[in-house]
């Protein structure tokens, strides 16, 4: 009897909110209406007949595609923020970890944009709302500093600072000069995409550890499957993107380079590891995952 009295006492309200939001998912009729739209004005009108009506009412018609994308993502980010605000652990921590993936993308994007002399306010407008965090403006300090200084003064204090710490530890471990001040010269060999892939590999591993250790029952089982799937998708995308890389023509170089980025969580590892690292064509990639 006492168990019934306290059943779902911590997350009862949050569950009710999520169930309500689930009802707002676009259904088949909504998608049919969107497919029938012949222009952006009709597309916006079709969306206004859904749960997106409130956030679209004040927008121009027709609405520019980049603006439409931002508005819709902002609604999702606001809903997630509200759910998290009503949550207790482990749900609160789970949402935090989930958003870290988007924060990593935003942080890398802003740093590389600054290095390319892109206007800082323009960069902020282009970030993903799901990955926004209070300290984003402090990244502007990267404008006139090298990576070592940026890490020591900015990145270490960000919500995703621990991932950068683990990333830098990893690249220093394989370097002849392990002094943190050598980071800037080492980082010259890493493109924005490479940095993001390595950071997200670390993040996905940490997310997996959290789900296995902190969740239980169906939640853990479902997240384990989802993270295996996400890991395999990221691995295949990395291999596919590297197929046309002229710098990876030589087999040993290709294998060593790809092994840095291939995820160890998914169902492709370790059984398909060799085939994936050696694939030099789309057909061989297809064969490796078949």
Protein backbone atom coordinates (compact mmCIF):
# COMPACT_ATOMS: atom_id res chain seq x y z
CA UNK A 1 0.00 0.00 0.00
CA UNK A 2 2.81 2.42 0.85
CA UNK A 3 4.38 1.77 -2.57
CA UNK A 4 1.16 2.90 -4.26
CA UNK A 5 1.09 6.09 -2.20
CA UNK A 6 4.53 7.16 -3.43
CA UNK A 7 4.39 5.69 -6.95
CA UNK A 8 5.89 8.15 -9.47
CA UNK A 9 5.99 10.85 -6.79
CA UNK A 10 9.16 12.42 -8.23
CA UNK A 11 8.36 12.44 -11.94
CA UNK A 12 4.56 12.24 -12.06
CA UNK A 13 4.06 15.82 -13.24
CA UNK A 14 6.95 15.58 -15.72
CA UNK A 15 5.50 12.38 -17.17
CA UNK A 16 2.13 14.09 -17.60
CA UNK A 17 3.78 17.01 -19.43
CA UNK A 18 5.67 14.63 -21.73
CA UNK A 19 2.52 12.65 -22.48
CA UNK A 20 0.81 15.92 -23.37
CA UNK A 21 3.67 16.95 -25.66
CA UNK A 22 3.58 13.54 -27.31
CA UNK A 23 0.01 14.28 -28.37
CA UNK A 24 1.33 17.28 -30.29
CA UNK A 25 3.54 15.20 -32.60
CA UNK A 26 2.69 15.69 -36.26
CA UNK A 27 0.50 12.86 -37.52
CA UNK A 28 -0.07 11.45 -41.01
CA UNK A 29 -2.71 14.05 -41.88
CA UNK A 30 -0.32 16.86 -40.86
CA UNK A 31 2.44 15.48 -43.06
CA UNK A 32 0.04 15.05 -45.98
CA UNK A 33 -0.93 18.71 -45.62
CA UNK A 34 2.75 19.74 -45.60
CA UNK A 35 3.47 17.61 -48.67
CA UNK A 36 0.55 19.27 -50.47
CA UNK A 37 1.97 22.76 -49.89
CA UNK A 38 3.16 24.36 -53.14
CA UNK A 39 4.99 27.29 -51.56
CA UNK A 40 6.35 28.49 -48.21
CA UNK A 41 3.18 30.45 -47.41
CA UNK A 42 1.06 27.26 -47.72
CA UNK A 43 3.67 25.33 -45.73
CA UNK A 44 3.50 27.82 -42.86
CA UNK A 45 -0.32 27.78 -42.96
CA UNK A 46 -0.30 23.98 -42.69
CA UNK A 47 2.03 24.15 -39.68
CA UNK A 48 -0.20 26.73 -38.01
CA UNK A 49 -2.90 24.07 -37.79
CA UNK A 50 -0.63 22.08 -35.44
CA UNK A 51 0.96 22.65 -32.04
CA UNK A 52 3.35 25.10 -33.72
CA UNK A 53 0.58 27.67 -34.18
CA UNK A 54 1.58 29.84 -31.22
CA UNK A 55 5.25 30.20 -32.20
CA UNK A 56 4.43 30.92 -35.87
CA UNK A 57 1.66 33.49 -35.42
CA UNK A 58 3.98 36.52 -35.26
CA UNK A 59 6.24 35.35 -38.10
CA UNK A 60 6.04 36.80 -41.65
CA UNK A 61 4.32 34.89 -44.41
CA UNK A 62 6.07 33.50 -46.36
CA UNK A 63 8.68 32.80 -43.70
CA UNK A 64 12.33 32.32 -44.81
CA UNK A 65 13.48 28.70 -44.43
CA UNK A 66 16.39 29.48 -42.02
CA UNK A 67 14.01 31.45 -39.80
CA UNK A 68 11.41 28.65 -39.89
CA UNK A 69 14.05 26.12 -38.85
CA UNK A 70 15.19 28.34 -35.97
CA UNK A 71 11.64 28.96 -34.69
CA UNK A 72 10.73 25.27 -34.72
CA UNK A 73 13.97 24.24 -33.02
CA UNK A 74 13.55 26.98 -30.42
CA UNK A 75 10.14 25.57 -29.50
CA UNK A 76 11.68 22.14 -28.98
CA UNK A 77 14.49 23.67 -26.90
CA UNK A 78 11.96 25.60 -24.76
CA UNK A 79 9.92 22.43 -24.19
CA UNK A 80 13.05 20.51 -23.17
CA UNK A 81 14.12 23.29 -20.82
CA UNK A 82 10.69 23.29 -19.17
CA UNK A 83 10.72 19.50 -18.74
CA UNK A 84 14.20 19.63 -17.23
CA UNK A 85 13.17 22.40 -14.83
CA UNK A 86 10.41 20.14 -13.46
CA UNK A 87 12.69 17.10 -13.15
CA UNK A 88 14.80 15.54 -10.43
CA UNK A 89 17.73 13.15 -10.79
CA UNK A 90 18.33 10.99 -12.80
CA UNK A 91 16.00 12.56 -15.42
CA UNK A 92 17.48 16.04 -14.92
CA UNK A 93 21.01 14.70 -15.42
CA UNK A 94 19.90 12.61 -18.40
CA UNK A 95 18.50 15.69 -20.20
CA UNK A 96 21.65 17.60 -19.34
CA UNK A 97 23.82 14.89 -20.89
CA UNK A 98 21.57 14.69 -23.94
CA UNK A 99 21.96 18.43 -24.55
CA UNK A 100 25.74 18.20 -24.22
CA UNK A 101 25.91 16.72 -27.72
CA UNK A 102 24.37 19.90 -29.15
CA UNK A 103 26.55 22.08 -26.91
CA UNK A 104 29.66 20.41 -28.33
CA UNK A 105 28.53 21.19 -31.88
CA UNK A 106 27.81 24.82 -30.97
CA UNK A 107 31.14 25.28 -29.17
CA UNK A 108 33.25 23.82 -31.99
CA UNK A 109 31.26 25.80 -34.56
CA UNK A 110 31.77 29.10 -32.70
CA UNK A 111 35.52 28.54 -32.13
CA UNK A 112 36.15 27.68 -35.77
CA UNK A 113 33.96 30.58 -36.89
CA UNK A 114 35.99 32.96 -34.74
CA UNK A 115 39.23 31.57 -36.19
CA UNK A 116 37.78 32.26 -39.68
CA UNK A 117 36.94 35.87 -38.69
CA UNK A 118 33.16 35.39 -38.86
CA UNK A 119 31.17 38.01 -36.92
CA UNK A 120 30.51 36.68 -33.41
CA UNK A 121 26.86 37.75 -33.23
CA UNK A 122 26.25 36.08 -36.59
CA UNK A 123 27.74 32.86 -35.22
CA UNK A 124 25.46 32.96 -32.17
CA UNK A 125 22.37 33.36 -34.38
CA UNK A 126 23.33 30.23 -36.32
CA UNK A 127 23.80 27.97 -33.30
CA UNK A 128 21.38 25.19 -32.41
CA UNK A 129 18.91 26.32 -29.68
CA UNK A 130 19.11 22.85 -28.11
CA UNK A 131 22.81 23.45 -27.43
CA UNK A 132 22.60 26.96 -25.99
CA UNK A 133 24.08 27.60 -22.55
CA UNK A 134 24.81 30.73 -20.45
CA UNK A 135 28.57 30.68 -21.04
CA UNK A 136 28.41 30.76 -24.83
CA UNK A 137 29.42 34.41 -25.03
CA UNK A 138 32.61 33.73 -23.09
CA UNK A 139 33.88 31.71 -26.07
CA UNK A 140 34.54 35.07 -27.76
CA UNK A 141 37.81 35.06 -25.81
CA UNK A 142 39.07 32.58 -28.43
CA UNK A 143 39.33 35.50 -30.84
CA UNK A 144 42.93 36.35 -30.11
CA UNK A 145 44.27 33.30 -28.29
CA UNK A 146 45.69 29.89 -29.18
CA UNK A 147 43.98 26.60 -28.28
CA UNK A 148 46.03 26.11 -25.11
CA UNK A 149 44.96 29.49 -23.76
CA UNK A 150 41.36 29.01 -24.88
CA UNK A 151 41.21 25.70 -23.01
CA UNK A 152 42.78 27.08 -19.84
CA UNK A 153 40.70 30.28 -19.72
CA UNK A 154 37.40 29.39 -21.42
CA UNK A 155 36.65 25.78 -22.36
CA UNK A 156 37.48 24.24 -18.99
CA UNK A 157 34.63 26.16 -17.34
CA UNK A 158 31.95 25.32 -19.93
CA UNK A 159 29.31 22.61 -19.32
CA UNK A 160 31.15 20.55 -21.97
CA UNK A 161 34.60 21.37 -20.59
CA UNK A 162 35.20 17.80 -19.42
CA UNK A 163 34.88 16.49 -22.99
CA UNK A 164 37.50 18.96 -24.22
CA UNK A 165 39.72 17.93 -21.30
CA UNK A 166 39.45 14.25 -22.26
CA UNK A 167 39.96 15.10 -25.93
CA UNK A 168 43.12 17.12 -25.27
CA UNK A 169 44.44 14.44 -22.92
CA UNK A 170 43.99 11.94 -25.73
CA UNK A 171 45.87 13.92 -28.37
CA UNK A 172 48.66 14.83 -25.96
CA UNK A 173 49.08 11.17 -25.01
CA UNK A 174 50.15 10.38 -28.56
CA UNK A 175 52.36 13.44 -28.98
CA UNK A 176 56.11 13.65 -28.47
CA UNK A 177 55.74 16.95 -26.60
CA UNK A 178 53.15 16.47 -23.86
CA UNK A 179 53.27 20.07 -22.62
CA UNK A 180 49.83 21.71 -22.73
CA UNK A 181 51.40 24.68 -24.52
CA UNK A 182 52.10 22.36 -27.47
CA UNK A 183 48.37 21.96 -28.08
CA UNK A 184 48.21 24.82 -30.57
CA UNK A 185 50.73 23.25 -32.95
CA UNK A 186 49.12 19.81 -32.61
CA UNK A 187 45.63 21.19 -33.28
CA UNK A 188 46.70 22.50 -36.70
CA UNK A 189 46.24 18.95 -38.00
CA UNK A 190 42.64 18.77 -36.77
CA UNK A 191 39.79 20.17 -38.84
CA UNK A 192 36.51 21.32 -37.32
CA UNK A 193 34.87 18.06 -38.40
CA UNK A 194 37.62 15.92 -36.85
CA UNK A 195 37.42 17.78 -33.54
CA UNK A 196 33.64 17.47 -33.44
CA UNK A 197 33.75 13.74 -34.26
CA UNK A 198 36.27 12.98 -31.51
CA UNK A 199 34.39 15.07 -28.94
CA UNK A 200 31.08 13.41 -29.79
CA UNK A 201 32.71 9.99 -29.56
CA UNK A 202 33.76 10.85 -25.99
CA UNK A 203 30.32 12.30 -25.22
CA UNK A 204 28.49 9.22 -26.54
CA UNK A 205 30.67 6.97 -24.38
CA UNK A 206 29.91 9.06 -21.28
CA UNK A 207 26.19 9.03 -22.13
CA UNK A 208 26.32 5.25 -22.42
CA UNK A 209 28.06 4.87 -19.04
CA UNK A 210 25.42 7.08 -17.42
CA UNK A 211 22.52 5.09 -18.87
CA UNK A 212 24.01 1.74 -17.83
CA UNK A 213 24.89 2.87 -14.31
CA UNK A 214 22.02 5.26 -13.45
CA UNK A 215 18.97 3.98 -15.33
CA UNK A 216 17.19 0.70 -14.85
CA UNK A 217 14.58 -1.53 -16.44
CA UNK A 218 13.07 -0.55 -19.81
CA UNK A 219 14.74 2.90 -19.74
CA UNK A 220 18.21 1.38 -19.67
CA UNK A 221 17.37 -1.27 -22.29
CA UNK A 222 15.89 1.24 -24.72
CA UNK A 223 18.72 3.75 -24.30
CA UNK A 224 21.31 1.01 -24.74
CA UNK A 225 19.76 0.07 -28.09
CA UNK A 226 19.43 3.71 -29.16
CA UNK A 227 23.04 4.51 -28.29
CA UNK A 228 24.27 1.39 -30.12
CA UNK A 229 22.32 2.58 -33.16
CA UNK A 230 23.59 6.17 -32.86
CA UNK A 231 27.15 4.91 -32.48
CA UNK A 232 26.90 2.73 -35.60
CA UNK A 233 25.35 5.59 -37.60
CA UNK A 234 28.17 7.95 -36.62
CA UNK A 235 30.79 5.34 -37.51
CA UNK A 236 29.27 4.73 -40.95
CA UNK A 237 29.00 8.47 -41.60
CA UNK A 238 32.67 9.00 -40.70
CA UNK A 239 33.80 6.15 -42.98
CA UNK A 240 31.59 7.42 -45.81
CA UNK A 241 32.91 10.98 -45.48
CA UNK A 242 36.50 9.73 -45.64
CA UNK A 243 36.09 7.69 -48.84
CA UNK A 244 37.13 10.58 -51.08
CA UNK A 245 40.01 11.73 -48.86
CA UNK A 246 43.12 11.73 -51.07
CA UNK A 247 45.34 11.81 -47.98
CA UNK A 248 44.09 8.33 -46.99
CA UNK A 249 44.99 6.44 -50.16
CA UNK A 250 47.60 4.27 -48.45
CA UNK A 251 45.94 1.38 -46.58
CA UNK A 252 47.89 1.62 -43.30
CA UNK A 253 47.35 5.36 -43.06
CA UNK A 254 43.64 4.94 -43.74
CA UNK A 255 43.27 2.29 -41.06
CA UNK A 256 45.19 4.26 -38.41
CA UNK A 257 43.28 7.48 -39.12
CA UNK A 258 39.83 5.89 -39.05
CA UNK A 259 40.49 3.95 -35.85
CA UNK A 260 40.63 7.26 -33.98
CA UNK A 261 37.02 8.00 -34.86
CA UNK A 262 35.28 4.60 -35.03
CA UNK A 263 32.96 4.08 -32.07
CA UNK A 264 33.40 1.06 -29.83
CA UNK A 265 29.81 0.99 -28.55
CA UNK A 266 27.82 -0.08 -31.56
CA UNK A 267 27.05 -3.52 -32.90
CA UNK A 268 29.51 -3.05 -35.78
CA UNK A 269 32.39 -3.29 -33.31
CA UNK A 270 34.40 -5.48 -33.04
CA UNK A 271 32.94 -7.85 -35.65
CA UNK A 272 33.07 -5.40 -38.59
CA UNK A 273 35.96 -3.24 -37.37
CA UNK A 274 38.56 -4.54 -39.86
CA UNK A 275 36.26 -4.28 -42.88
CA UNK A 276 35.18 -0.75 -41.93
CA UNK A 277 38.68 0.62 -41.39
CA UNK A 278 39.89 -0.84 -44.72
CA UNK A 279 36.87 0.07 -46.88
CA UNK A 280 38.03 2.23 -49.81
CA UNK A 281 34.78 2.35 -51.79
CA UNK A 282 31.05 2.66 -51.20
CA UNK A 283 30.54 -0.96 -52.25
CA UNK A 284 33.04 -2.18 -49.64
CA UNK A 285 31.38 -0.02 -47.00
CA UNK A 286 28.00 -1.54 -47.88
CA UNK A 287 29.53 -5.01 -47.70
CA UNK A 288 31.07 -4.28 -44.28
CA UNK A 289 27.70 -3.44 -42.73
CA UNK A 290 25.53 -5.94 -44.62
